[in-house]
Amino acid sequence: MAGTQQQAAGGPQPSAALTIDALGRKCPIPIIMLAEQINQVPLNATVAVLADDPAAFTDVPAWCRLKSHHHVGTYELPQGGWAIHVRRNY
């Protein structure tokens, strides 16, 4: 997908300071969970949002642009879904 950093399943995934498990939850729940918890990590730390709702694949990076956080990358999970990594900018 153009403009989106993505790794195939099994590709190296950077470590995250916080992992939010939103698997099985429909959007906007993964974004709400991210918005509520991103301030729990230090500045420039990474939060991994685990999600399998196809809307989250595009909505989390869009939320990052809207809120001025950095979408680090989206990584396929072996069991299905993605780990969407977000770096806290403020």
PDB file of N, CA and C in Angstrom:
ATOM      1  N   MET A   1       0.854  -1.179   0.000  1.00  0.00           N
ATOM      2  CA  MET A   1       0.000   0.000   0.000  1.00  0.00           C
ATOM      3  C   MET A   1       0.897   1.238   0.000  1.00  0.00           C
ATOM      4  N   ALA A   2       0.683   2.120  -0.920  1.00  0.00           N
ATOM      5  CA  ALA A   2       1.515   3.309  -1.060  1.00  0.00           C
ATOM      6  C   ALA A   2       1.396   4.196   0.173  1.00  0.00           C
ATOM      7  N   GLY A   3       2.545   4.671   0.643  1.00  0.00           N
ATOM      8  CA  GLY A   3       2.552   5.593   1.774  1.00  0.00           C
ATOM      9  C   GLY A   3       2.452   4.916   3.130  1.00  0.00           C
ATOM     10  N   THR A   4       2.283   3.589   3.141  1.00  0.00           N
ATOM     11  CA  THR A   4       2.176   2.878   4.401  1.00  0.00           C
ATOM     12  C   THR A   4       3.364   1.943   4.541  1.00  0.00           C
ATOM     13  N   GLN A   5       4.061   2.056   5.649  1.00  0.00           N
ATOM     14  CA  GLN A   5       5.164   1.136   5.913  1.00  0.00           C
ATOM     15  C   GLN A   5       4.547  -0.178   6.379  1.00  0.00           C
ATOM     16  N   GLN A   6       4.953  -1.271   5.739  1.00  0.00           N
ATOM     17  CA  GLN A   6       4.370  -2.552   6.101  1.00  0.00           C
ATOM     18  C   GLN A   6       5.396  -3.650   5.965  1.00  0.00           C
ATOM     19  N   GLN A   7       5.355  -4.595   6.864  1.00  0.00           N
ATOM     20  CA  GLN A   7       6.210  -5.771   6.820  1.00  0.00           C
ATOM     21  C   GLN A   7       5.311  -6.987   6.654  1.00  0.00           C
ATOM     22  N   ALA A   8       5.789  -7.993   5.981  1.00  0.00           N
ATOM     23  CA  ALA A   8       5.044  -9.243   5.850  1.00  0.00           C
ATOM     24  C   ALA A   8       5.081 -10.003   7.168  1.00  0.00           C
ATOM     25  N   ALA A   9       4.183 -10.975   7.294  1.00  0.00           N
ATOM     26  CA  ALA A   9       4.161 -11.815   8.489  1.00  0.00           C
ATOM     27  C   ALA A   9       5.547 -12.409   8.705  1.00  0.00           C
ATOM     28  N   GLY A  10       5.993 -12.408   9.922  1.00  0.00           N
ATOM     29  CA  GLY A  10       7.298 -12.953  10.239  1.00  0.00           C
ATOM     30  C   GLY A  10       8.419 -11.939  10.105  1.00  0.00           C
ATOM     31  N   GLY A  11       8.116 -10.752   9.575  1.00  0.00           N
ATOM     32  CA  GLY A  11       9.128  -9.714   9.445  1.00  0.00           C
ATOM     33  C   GLY A  11       9.472  -9.148  10.807  1.00  0.00           C
ATOM     34  N   PRO A  12      10.630  -8.497  10.913  1.00  0.00           N
ATOM     35  CA  PRO A  12      11.021  -7.956  12.211  1.00  0.00           C
ATOM     36  C   PRO A  12      10.074  -6.849  12.657  1.00  0.00           C
ATOM     37  N   GLN A  13       9.670  -6.955  13.895  1.00  0.00           N
ATOM     38  CA  GLN A  13       8.769  -5.975  14.476  1.00  0.00           C
ATOM     39  C   GLN A  13       9.533  -5.226  15.557  1.00  0.00           C
ATOM     40  N   PRO A  14       9.547  -3.905  15.523  1.00  0.00           N
ATOM     41  CA  PRO A  14      10.240  -3.181  16.591  1.00  0.00           C
ATOM     42  C   PRO A  14       9.542  -3.418  17.932  1.00  0.00           C
ATOM     43  N   SER A  15      10.295  -3.262  19.001  1.00  0.00           N
ATOM     44  CA  SER A  15       9.692  -3.444  20.321  1.00  0.00           C
ATOM     45  C   SER A  15       8.814  -2.239  20.644  1.00  0.00           C
ATOM     46  N   ALA A  16       7.841  -2.471  21.509  1.00  0.00           N
ATOM     47  CA  ALA A  16       6.908  -1.415  21.892  1.00  0.00           C
ATOM     48  C   ALA A  16       6.921  -1.262  23.412  1.00  0.00           C
ATOM     49  N   ALA A  17       6.799  -0.029  23.869  1.00  0.00           N
ATOM     50  CA  ALA A  17       6.737   0.238  25.304  1.00  0.00           C
ATOM     51  C   ALA A  17       5.398  -0.204  25.882  1.00  0.00           C
ATOM     52  N   LEU A  18       4.363  -0.239  25.039  1.00  0.00           N
ATOM     53  CA  LEU A  18       3.014  -0.607  25.472  1.00  0.00           C
ATOM     54  C   LEU A  18       2.335  -1.332  24.325  1.00  0.00           C
ATOM     55  N   THR A  19       1.648  -2.419  24.631  1.00  0.00           N
ATOM     56  CA  THR A  19       0.858  -3.132  23.633  1.00  0.00           C
ATOM     57  C   THR A  19      -0.602  -3.065  24.039  1.00  0.00           C
ATOM     58  N   ILE A  20      -1.441  -2.615  23.118  1.00  0.00           N
ATOM     59  CA  ILE A  20      -2.884  -2.524  23.341  1.00  0.00           C
ATOM     60  C   ILE A  20      -3.533  -3.644  22.532  1.00  0.00           C
ATOM     61  N   ASP A  21      -4.172  -4.567  23.210  1.00  0.00           N
ATOM     62  CA  ASP A  21      -4.811  -5.697  22.538  1.00  0.00           C
ATOM     63  C   ASP A  21      -6.256  -5.338  22.201  1.00  0.00           C
ATOM     64  N   ALA A  22      -6.480  -4.961  20.943  1.00  0.00           N
ATOM     65  CA  ALA A  22      -7.826  -4.635  20.468  1.00  0.00           C
ATOM     66  C   ALA A  22      -8.318  -5.693  19.477  1.00  0.00           C
ATOM     67  N   LEU A  23      -7.709  -6.881  19.519  1.00  0.00           N
ATOM     68  CA  LEU A  23      -8.140  -7.958  18.625  1.00  0.00           C
ATOM     69  C   LEU A  23      -9.590  -8.327  18.931  1.00  0.00           C
ATOM     70  N   GLY A  24     -10.375  -8.484  17.874  1.00  0.00           N
ATOM     71  CA  GLY A  24     -11.786  -8.827  18.037  1.00  0.00           C
ATOM     72  C   GLY A  24     -12.690  -7.636  18.281  1.00  0.00           C
ATOM     73  N   ARG A  25     -12.123  -6.448  18.342  1.00  0.00           N
ATOM     74  CA  ARG A  25     -12.927  -5.242  18.582  1.00  0.00           C
ATOM     75  C   ARG A  25     -13.041  -4.429  17.306  1.00  0.00           C
ATOM     76  N   LYS A  26     -14.224  -3.912  17.060  1.00  0.00           N
ATOM     77  CA  LYS A  26     -14.480  -3.129  15.855  1.00  0.00           C
ATOM     78  C   LYS A  26     -14.112  -1.670  16.079  1.00  0.00           C
ATOM     79  N   CYS A  27     -13.699  -1.018  14.998  1.00  0.00           N
ATOM     80  CA  CYS A  27     -13.434   0.418  15.067  1.00  0.00           C
ATOM     81  C   CYS A  27     -14.741   1.121  15.420  1.00  0.00           C
ATOM     82  N   PRO A  28     -14.683   2.150  16.226  1.00  0.00           N
ATOM     83  CA  PRO A  28     -13.506   2.924  16.602  1.00  0.00           C
ATOM     84  C   PRO A  28     -12.846   2.492  17.912  1.00  0.00           C
ATOM     85  N   ILE A  29     -13.199   1.334  18.451  1.00  0.00           N
ATOM     86  CA  ILE A  29     -12.667   0.925  19.755  1.00  0.00           C
ATOM     87  C   ILE A  29     -11.133   0.905  19.790  1.00  0.00           C
ATOM     88  N   PRO A  30     -10.428   0.345  18.771  1.00  0.00           N
ATOM     89  CA  PRO A  30      -8.956   0.388  18.845  1.00  0.00           C
ATOM     90  C   PRO A  30      -8.397   1.808  18.948  1.00  0.00           C
ATOM     91  N   ILE A  31      -9.012   2.750  18.242  1.00  0.00           N
ATOM     92  CA  ILE A  31      -8.554   4.144  18.301  1.00  0.00           C
ATOM     93  C   ILE A  31      -8.866   4.759  19.650  1.00  0.00           C
ATOM     94  N   ILE A  32     -10.022   4.463  20.185  1.00  0.00           N
ATOM     95  CA  ILE A  32     -10.379   4.977  21.512  1.00  0.00           C
ATOM     96  C   ILE A  32      -9.396   4.449  22.554  1.00  0.00           C
ATOM     97  N   MET A  33      -9.071   3.152  22.475  1.00  0.00           N
ATOM     98  CA  MET A  33      -8.111   2.560  23.412  1.00  0.00           C
ATOM     99  C   MET A  33      -6.745   3.221  23.271  1.00  0.00           C
ATOM    100  N   LEU A  34      -6.307   3.472  22.037  1.00  0.00           N
ATOM    101  CA  LEU A  34      -5.022   4.141  21.792  1.00  0.00           C
ATOM    102  C   LEU A  34      -5.036   5.550  22.366  1.00  0.00           C
ATOM    103  N   ALA A  35      -6.090   6.303  22.099  1.00  0.00           N
ATOM    104  CA  ALA A  35      -6.177   7.685  22.580  1.00  0.00           C
ATOM    105  C   ALA A  35      -6.151   7.744  24.109  1.00  0.00           C
ATOM    106  N   GLU A  36      -6.802   6.771  24.763  1.00  0.00           N
ATOM    107  CA  GLU A  36      -6.839   6.752  26.228  1.00  0.00           C
ATOM    108  C   GLU A  36      -5.498   6.356  26.853  1.00  0.00           C
ATOM    109  N   GLN A  37      -4.682   5.587  26.131  1.00  0.00           N
ATOM    110  CA  GLN A  37      -3.488   5.012  26.746  1.00  0.00           C
ATOM    111  C   GLN A  37      -2.162   5.565  26.234  1.00  0.00           C
ATOM    112  N   ILE A  38      -2.152   6.330  25.151  1.00  0.00           N
ATOM    113  CA  ILE A  38      -0.873   6.759  24.575  1.00  0.00           C
ATOM    114  C   ILE A  38      -0.046   7.599  25.541  1.00  0.00           C
ATOM    115  N   ASN A  39      -0.706   8.332  26.418  1.00  0.00           N
ATOM    116  CA  ASN A  39       0.036   9.169  27.370  1.00  0.00           C
ATOM    117  C   ASN A  39       0.672   8.377  28.506  1.00  0.00           C
ATOM    118  N   GLN A  40       0.475   7.056  28.536  1.00  0.00           N
ATOM    119  CA  GLN A  40       1.106   6.209  29.555  1.00  0.00           C
ATOM    120  C   GLN A  40       2.558   5.889  29.210  1.00  0.00           C
ATOM    121  N   VAL A  41       2.962   6.168  27.968  1.00  0.00           N
ATOM    122  CA  VAL A  41       4.347   5.883  27.562  1.00  0.00           C
ATOM    123  C   VAL A  41       5.122   7.189  27.469  1.00  0.00           C
ATOM    124  N   PRO A  42       6.447   7.139  27.620  1.00  0.00           N
ATOM    125  CA  PRO A  42       7.253   8.358  27.508  1.00  0.00           C
ATOM    126  C   PRO A  42       7.227   8.923  26.086  1.00  0.00           C
ATOM    127  N   LEU A  43       7.603  10.187  25.957  1.00  0.00           N
ATOM    128  CA  LEU A  43       7.729  10.794  24.634  1.00  0.00           C
ATOM    129  C   LEU A  43       8.665   9.962  23.773  1.00  0.00           C
ATOM    130  N   ASN A  44       8.357   9.845  22.513  1.00  0.00           N
ATOM    131  CA  ASN A  44       9.121   9.086  21.517  1.00  0.00           C
ATOM    132  C   ASN A  44       9.087   7.577  21.726  1.00  0.00           C
ATOM    133  N   ALA A  45       8.297   7.095  22.669  1.00  0.00           N
ATOM    134  CA  ALA A  45       8.127   5.653  22.846  1.00  0.00           C
ATOM    135  C   ALA A  45       7.063   5.159  21.873  1.00  0.00           C
ATOM    136  N   THR A  46       7.064   3.864  21.652  1.00  0.00           N
ATOM    137  CA  THR A  46       6.155   3.253  20.686  1.00  0.00           C
ATOM    138  C   THR A  46       5.063   2.457  21.382  1.00  0.00           C
ATOM    139  N   VAL A  47       3.847   2.611  20.855  1.00  0.00           N
ATOM    140  CA  VAL A  47       2.689   1.838  21.292  1.00  0.00           C
ATOM    141  C   VAL A  47       2.313   0.916  20.134  1.00  0.00           C
ATOM    142  N   ALA A  48       2.099  -0.352  20.431  1.00  0.00           N
ATOM    143  CA  ALA A  48       1.624  -1.308  19.419  1.00  0.00           C
ATOM    144  C   ALA A  48       0.146  -1.559  19.652  1.00  0.00           C
ATOM    145  N   VAL A  49      -0.662  -1.307  18.642  1.00  0.00           N
ATOM    146  CA  VAL A  49      -2.087  -1.600  18.704  1.00  0.00           C
ATOM    147  C   VAL A  49      -2.321  -2.881  17.914  1.00  0.00           C
ATOM    148  N   LEU A  50      -2.760  -3.934  18.597  1.00  0.00           N
ATOM    149  CA  LEU A  50      -3.088  -5.185  17.927  1.00  0.00           C
ATOM    150  C   LEU A  50      -4.554  -5.127  17.527  1.00  0.00           C
ATOM    151  N   ALA A  51      -4.818  -5.259  16.231  1.00  0.00           N
ATOM    152  CA  ALA A  51      -6.191  -5.130  15.737  1.00  0.00           C
ATOM    153  C   ALA A  51      -6.394  -6.041  14.540  1.00  0.00           C
ATOM    154  N   ASP A  52      -7.628  -6.542  14.400  1.00  0.00           N
ATOM    155  CA  ASP A  52      -7.950  -7.354  13.235  1.00  0.00           C
ATOM    156  C   ASP A  52      -9.138  -6.813  12.453  1.00  0.00           C
ATOM    157  N   ASP A  53      -9.687  -5.685  12.867  1.00  0.00           N
ATOM    158  CA  ASP A  53     -10.740  -5.031  12.100  1.00  0.00           C
ATOM    159  C   ASP A  53     -10.080  -4.302  10.925  1.00  0.00           C
ATOM    160  N   PRO A  54     -10.478  -4.612   9.679  1.00  0.00           N
ATOM    161  CA  PRO A  54      -9.855  -3.957   8.521  1.00  0.00           C
ATOM    162  C   PRO A  54      -9.889  -2.426   8.592  1.00  0.00           C
ATOM    163  N   ALA A  55     -10.873  -1.849   9.251  1.00  0.00           N
ATOM    164  CA  ALA A  55     -10.938  -0.390   9.368  1.00  0.00           C
ATOM    165  C   ALA A  55      -9.750   0.147  10.166  1.00  0.00           C
ATOM    166  N   ALA A  56      -9.271  -0.602  11.140  1.00  0.00           N
ATOM    167  CA  ALA A  56      -8.147  -0.146  11.963  1.00  0.00           C
ATOM    168  C   ALA A  56      -6.878   0.001  11.132  1.00  0.00           C
ATOM    169  N   PHE A  57      -6.728  -0.829  10.096  1.00  0.00           N
ATOM    170  CA  PHE A  57      -5.552  -0.793   9.228  1.00  0.00           C
ATOM    171  C   PHE A  57      -5.350   0.599   8.629  1.00  0.00           C
ATOM    172  N   THR A  58      -6.435   1.270   8.276  1.00  0.00           N
ATOM    173  CA  THR A  58      -6.342   2.624   7.720  1.00  0.00           C
ATOM    174  C   THR A  58      -6.660   3.705   8.744  1.00  0.00           C
ATOM    175  N   ASP A  59      -7.535   3.397   9.699  1.00  0.00           N
ATOM    176  CA  ASP A  59      -7.968   4.423  10.656  1.00  0.00           C
ATOM    177  C   ASP A  59      -6.886   4.809  11.666  1.00  0.00           C
ATOM    178  N   VAL A  60      -6.086   3.861  12.130  1.00  0.00           N
ATOM    179  CA  VAL A  60      -5.042   4.199  13.112  1.00  0.00           C
ATOM    180  C   VAL A  60      -3.993   5.116  12.477  1.00  0.00           C
ATOM    181  N   PRO A  61      -3.462   4.798  11.277  1.00  0.00           N
ATOM    182  CA  PRO A  61      -2.535   5.749  10.652  1.00  0.00           C
ATOM    183  C   PRO A  61      -3.173   7.122  10.391  1.00  0.00           C
ATOM    184  N   ALA A  62      -4.455   7.147  10.027  1.00  0.00           N
ATOM    185  CA  ALA A  62      -5.144   8.430   9.819  1.00  0.00           C
ATOM    186  C   ALA A  62      -5.243   9.198  11.137  1.00  0.00           C
ATOM    187  N   TRP A  63      -5.513   8.503  12.244  1.00  0.00           N
ATOM    188  CA  TRP A  63      -5.568   9.139  13.558  1.00  0.00           C
ATOM    189  C   TRP A  63      -4.206   9.735  13.893  1.00  0.00           C
ATOM    190  N   CYS A  64      -3.133   9.018  13.544  1.00  0.00           N
ATOM    191  CA  CYS A  64      -1.780   9.528  13.798  1.00  0.00           C
ATOM    192  C   CYS A  64      -1.554  10.858  13.081  1.00  0.00           C
ATOM    193  N   ARG A  65      -1.947  10.919  11.823  1.00  0.00           N
ATOM    194  CA  ARG A  65      -1.797  12.169  11.066  1.00  0.00           C
ATOM    195  C   ARG A  65      -2.629  13.283  11.690  1.00  0.00           C
ATOM    196  N   LEU A  66      -3.842  12.968  12.078  1.00  0.00           N
ATOM    197  CA  LEU A  66      -4.744  13.951  12.674  1.00  0.00           C
ATOM    198  C   LEU A  66      -4.214  14.476  14.005  1.00  0.00           C
ATOM    199  N   LYS A  67      -3.621  13.586  14.801  1.00  0.00           N
ATOM    200  CA  LYS A  67      -3.162  13.945  16.149  1.00  0.00           C
ATOM    201  C   LYS A  67      -1.667  14.237  16.231  1.00  0.00           C
ATOM    202  N   SER A  68      -0.968  14.248  15.103  1.00  0.00           N
ATOM    203  CA  SER A  68       0.464  14.557  15.031  1.00  0.00           C
ATOM    204  C   SER A  68       1.345  13.565  15.783  1.00  0.00           C
ATOM    205  N   HIS A  69       0.938  12.299  15.792  1.00  0.00           N
ATOM    206  CA  HIS A  69       1.809  11.232  16.264  1.00  0.00           C
ATOM    207  C   HIS A  69       2.365  10.547  15.027  1.00  0.00           C
ATOM    208  N   HIS A  70       3.362   9.687  15.185  1.00  0.00           N
ATOM    209  CA  HIS A  70       4.020   9.075  14.028  1.00  0.00           C
ATOM    210  C   HIS A  70       3.605   7.615  13.866  1.00  0.00           C
ATOM    211  N   HIS A  71       3.070   7.282  12.698  1.00  0.00           N
ATOM    212  CA  HIS A  71       2.774   5.889  12.372  1.00  0.00           C
ATOM    213  C   HIS A  71       4.090   5.232  11.963  1.00  0.00           C
ATOM    214  N   VAL A  72       4.637   4.404  12.830  1.00  0.00           N
ATOM    215  CA  VAL A  72       5.933   3.774  12.598  1.00  0.00           C
ATOM    216  C   VAL A  72       5.826   2.702  11.517  1.00  0.00           C
ATOM    217  N   GLY A  73       4.800   1.890  11.599  1.00  0.00           N
ATOM    218  CA  GLY A  73       4.613   0.819  10.632  1.00  0.00           C
ATOM    219  C   GLY A  73       3.484  -0.092  11.036  1.00  0.00           C
ATOM    220  N   THR A  74       3.053  -0.903  10.083  1.00  0.00           N
ATOM    221  CA  THR A  74       2.002  -1.885  10.319  1.00  0.00           C
ATOM    222  C   THR A  74       2.579  -3.250   9.967  1.00  0.00           C
ATOM    223  N   TYR A  75       2.454  -4.183  10.883  1.00  0.00           N
ATOM    224  CA  TYR A  75       3.070  -5.495  10.754  1.00  0.00           C
ATOM    225  C   TYR A  75       2.005  -6.578  10.842  1.00  0.00           C
ATOM    226  N   GLU A  76       1.982  -7.484   9.891  1.00  0.00           N
ATOM    227  CA  GLU A  76       1.007  -8.574   9.903  1.00  0.00           C
ATOM    228  C   GLU A  76       1.288  -9.515  11.067  1.00  0.00           C
ATOM    229  N   LEU A  77       0.225  -9.947  11.726  1.00  0.00           N
ATOM    230  CA  LEU A  77       0.345 -10.912  12.815  1.00  0.00           C
ATOM    231  C   LEU A  77       0.126 -12.318  12.264  1.00  0.00           C
ATOM    232  N   PRO A  78       0.854 -13.307  12.766  1.00  0.00           N
ATOM    233  CA  PRO A  78       0.701 -14.674  12.258  1.00  0.00           C
ATOM    234  C   PRO A  78      -0.725 -15.212  12.398  1.00  0.00           C
ATOM    235  N   GLN A  79      -1.437 -14.802  13.441  1.00  0.00           N
ATOM    236  CA  GLN A  79      -2.798 -15.297  13.682  1.00  0.00           C
ATOM    237  C   GLN A  79      -3.857 -14.477  12.948  1.00  0.00           C
ATOM    238  N   GLY A  80      -3.429 -13.483  12.177  1.00  0.00           N
ATOM    239  CA  GLY A  80      -4.356 -12.599  11.473  1.00  0.00           C
ATOM    240  C   GLY A  80      -4.427 -11.259  12.175  1.00  0.00           C
ATOM    241  N   GLY A  81      -4.648 -10.235  11.414  1.00  0.00           N
ATOM    242  CA  GLY A  81      -4.669  -8.881  11.961  1.00  0.00           C
ATOM    243  C   GLY A  81      -3.296  -8.239  11.865  1.00  0.00           C
ATOM    244  N   TRP A  82      -3.131  -7.166  12.585  1.00  0.00           N
ATOM    245  CA  TRP A  82      -1.906  -6.373  12.481  1.00  0.00           C
ATOM    246  C   TRP A  82      -1.470  -5.857  13.848  1.00  0.00           C
ATOM    247  N   ALA A  83      -0.181  -5.565  13.934  1.00  0.00           N
ATOM    248  CA  ALA A  83       0.369  -4.785  15.041  1.00  0.00           C
ATOM    249  C   ALA A  83       0.687  -3.434  14.414  1.00  0.00           C
ATOM    250  N   ILE A  84      -0.062  -2.421  14.792  1.00  0.00           N
ATOM    251  CA  ILE A  84       0.097  -1.081  14.226  1.00  0.00           C
ATOM    252  C   ILE A  84       0.879  -0.256  15.236  1.00  0.00           C
ATOM    253  N   HIS A  85       2.093   0.144  14.862  1.00  0.00           N
ATOM    254  CA  HIS A  85       2.988   0.826  15.783  1.00  0.00           C
ATOM    255  C   HIS A  85       2.901   2.339  15.611  1.00  0.00           C
ATOM    256  N   VAL A  86       2.741   3.006  16.759  1.00  0.00           N
ATOM    257  CA  VAL A  86       2.574   4.461  16.814  1.00  0.00           C
ATOM    258  C   VAL A  86       3.610   5.025  17.776  1.00  0.00           C
ATOM    259  N   ARG A  87       4.348   6.032  17.345  1.00  0.00           N
ATOM    260  CA  ARG A  87       5.305   6.704  18.242  1.00  0.00           C
ATOM    261  C   ARG A  87       4.664   7.980  18.785  1.00  0.00           C
ATOM    262  N   ARG A  88       4.706   8.108  20.112  1.00  0.00           N
ATOM    263  CA  ARG A  88       4.160   9.288  20.769  1.00  0.00           C
ATOM    264  C   ARG A  88       5.067  10.489  20.513  1.00  0.00           C
ATOM    265  N   ASN A  89       4.498  11.551  19.960  1.00  0.00           N
ATOM    266  CA  ASN A  89       5.275  12.747  19.639  1.00  0.00           C
ATOM    267  C   ASN A  89       5.126  13.877  20.653  1.00  0.00           C
ATOM    268  N   TYR A  90       4.106  13.833  21.496  1.00  0.00           N
ATOM    269  CA  TYR A  90       3.924  14.894  22.495  1.00  0.00           C
ATOM    270  C   TYR A  90       3.208  14.358  23.696  1.00  0.00           C
TER     271      TYR A  90
END
